[in-house]
Amino acid sequence: MGINTLLLTIEKTRLEMVQLAHLYGYSNPNVVKCSQKLDSLLNVYYNSEKN
């Protein structure tokens, strides 16, 4: 995955998480799952920046 694609995926996931949180609340399992996906994507980004 290229860096631009990764950044677009991060932003898309962030927006999805915000929308889900507004609909269902922060503790909803779908919001938590989306947050975990976002964390994972951010870890990939930060690790790629180190190299």
C-alpha atoms as a PDB file:
ATOM      1  CA  MET A   1       0.000   0.000   0.000  1.00  0.00           C
ATOM      2  CA  GLY A   2       1.458   3.363  -1.027  1.00  0.00           C
ATOM      3  CA  ILE A   3       1.685   6.219   1.461  1.00  0.00           C
ATOM      4  CA  ASN A   4      -1.029   8.252  -0.318  1.00  0.00           C
ATOM      5  CA  THR A   5      -3.404   5.295  -0.304  1.00  0.00           C
ATOM      6  CA  LEU A   6      -2.624   4.698   3.358  1.00  0.00           C
ATOM      7  CA  LEU A   7      -3.360   8.329   4.245  1.00  0.00           C
ATOM      8  CA  LEU A   8      -6.652   8.241   2.333  1.00  0.00           C
ATOM      9  CA  THR A   9      -7.634   5.016   4.106  1.00  0.00           C
ATOM     10  CA  ILE A  10      -6.766   6.562   7.478  1.00  0.00           C
ATOM     11  CA  GLU A  11      -8.934   9.599   6.771  1.00  0.00           C
ATOM     12  CA  LYS A  12     -11.826   7.485   5.472  1.00  0.00           C
ATOM     13  CA  THR A  13     -11.674   5.271   8.562  1.00  0.00           C
ATOM     14  CA  ARG A  14     -11.510   8.290  10.870  1.00  0.00           C
ATOM     15  CA  LEU A  15     -14.605   9.811   9.283  1.00  0.00           C
ATOM     16  CA  GLU A  16     -16.418   6.482   9.480  1.00  0.00           C
ATOM     17  CA  MET A  17     -15.567   6.189  13.177  1.00  0.00           C
ATOM     18  CA  VAL A  18     -16.853   9.701  13.901  1.00  0.00           C
ATOM     19  CA  GLN A  19     -20.102   9.011  12.066  1.00  0.00           C
ATOM     20  CA  LEU A  20     -20.614   5.709  13.874  1.00  0.00           C
ATOM     21  CA  ALA A  21     -19.894   7.350  17.227  1.00  0.00           C
ATOM     22  CA  HIS A  22     -22.508  10.027  16.570  1.00  0.00           C
ATOM     23  CA  LEU A  23     -25.070   7.375  15.654  1.00  0.00           C
ATOM     24  CA  TYR A  24     -24.384   4.736  18.286  1.00  0.00           C
ATOM     25  CA  GLY A  25     -22.194   6.231  21.017  1.00  0.00           C
ATOM     26  CA  TYR A  26     -18.531   5.677  21.724  1.00  0.00           C
ATOM     27  CA  SER A  27     -18.880   2.321  23.468  1.00  0.00           C
ATOM     28  CA  ASN A  28     -20.759   0.611  20.624  1.00  0.00           C
ATOM     29  CA  PRO A  29     -18.871  -2.481  19.368  1.00  0.00           C
ATOM     30  CA  ASN A  30     -18.887  -1.153  15.783  1.00  0.00           C
ATOM     31  CA  VAL A  31     -17.256   2.089  16.914  1.00  0.00           C
ATOM     32  CA  VAL A  32     -14.667   0.209  18.961  1.00  0.00           C
ATOM     33  CA  LYS A  33     -13.866  -2.054  16.010  1.00  0.00           C
ATOM     34  CA  CYS A  34     -13.472   0.942  13.710  1.00  0.00           C
ATOM     35  CA  SER A  35     -11.257   2.658  16.286  1.00  0.00           C
ATOM     36  CA  GLN A  36      -9.052  -0.426  16.460  1.00  0.00           C
ATOM     37  CA  LYS A  37      -8.787  -0.463  12.671  1.00  0.00           C
ATOM     38  CA  LEU A  38      -7.782   3.203  12.739  1.00  0.00           C
ATOM     39  CA  ASP A  39      -5.160   2.501  15.415  1.00  0.00           C
ATOM     40  CA  SER A  40      -3.723  -0.268  13.282  1.00  0.00           C
ATOM     41  CA  LEU A  41      -3.566   1.964  10.204  1.00  0.00           C
ATOM     42  CA  LEU A  42      -1.896   4.740  12.204  1.00  0.00           C
ATOM     43  CA  ASN A  43       0.679   2.277  13.508  1.00  0.00           C
ATOM     44  CA  VAL A  44       1.492   1.246   9.933  1.00  0.00           C
ATOM     45  CA  TYR A  45       1.868   4.914   8.992  1.00  0.00           C
ATOM     46  CA  TYR A  46       4.090   5.829  11.930  1.00  0.00           C
ATOM     47  CA  ASN A  47       6.264   2.747  11.459  1.00  0.00           C
ATOM     48  CA  SER A  48       6.694   3.548   7.775  1.00  0.00           C
ATOM     49  CA  GLU A  49       7.786   7.090   8.652  1.00  0.00           C
ATOM     50  CA  LYS A  50      10.586   5.743  10.888  1.00  0.00           C
ATOM     51  CA  ASN A  51      12.169   3.801   8.022  1.00  0.00           C
END
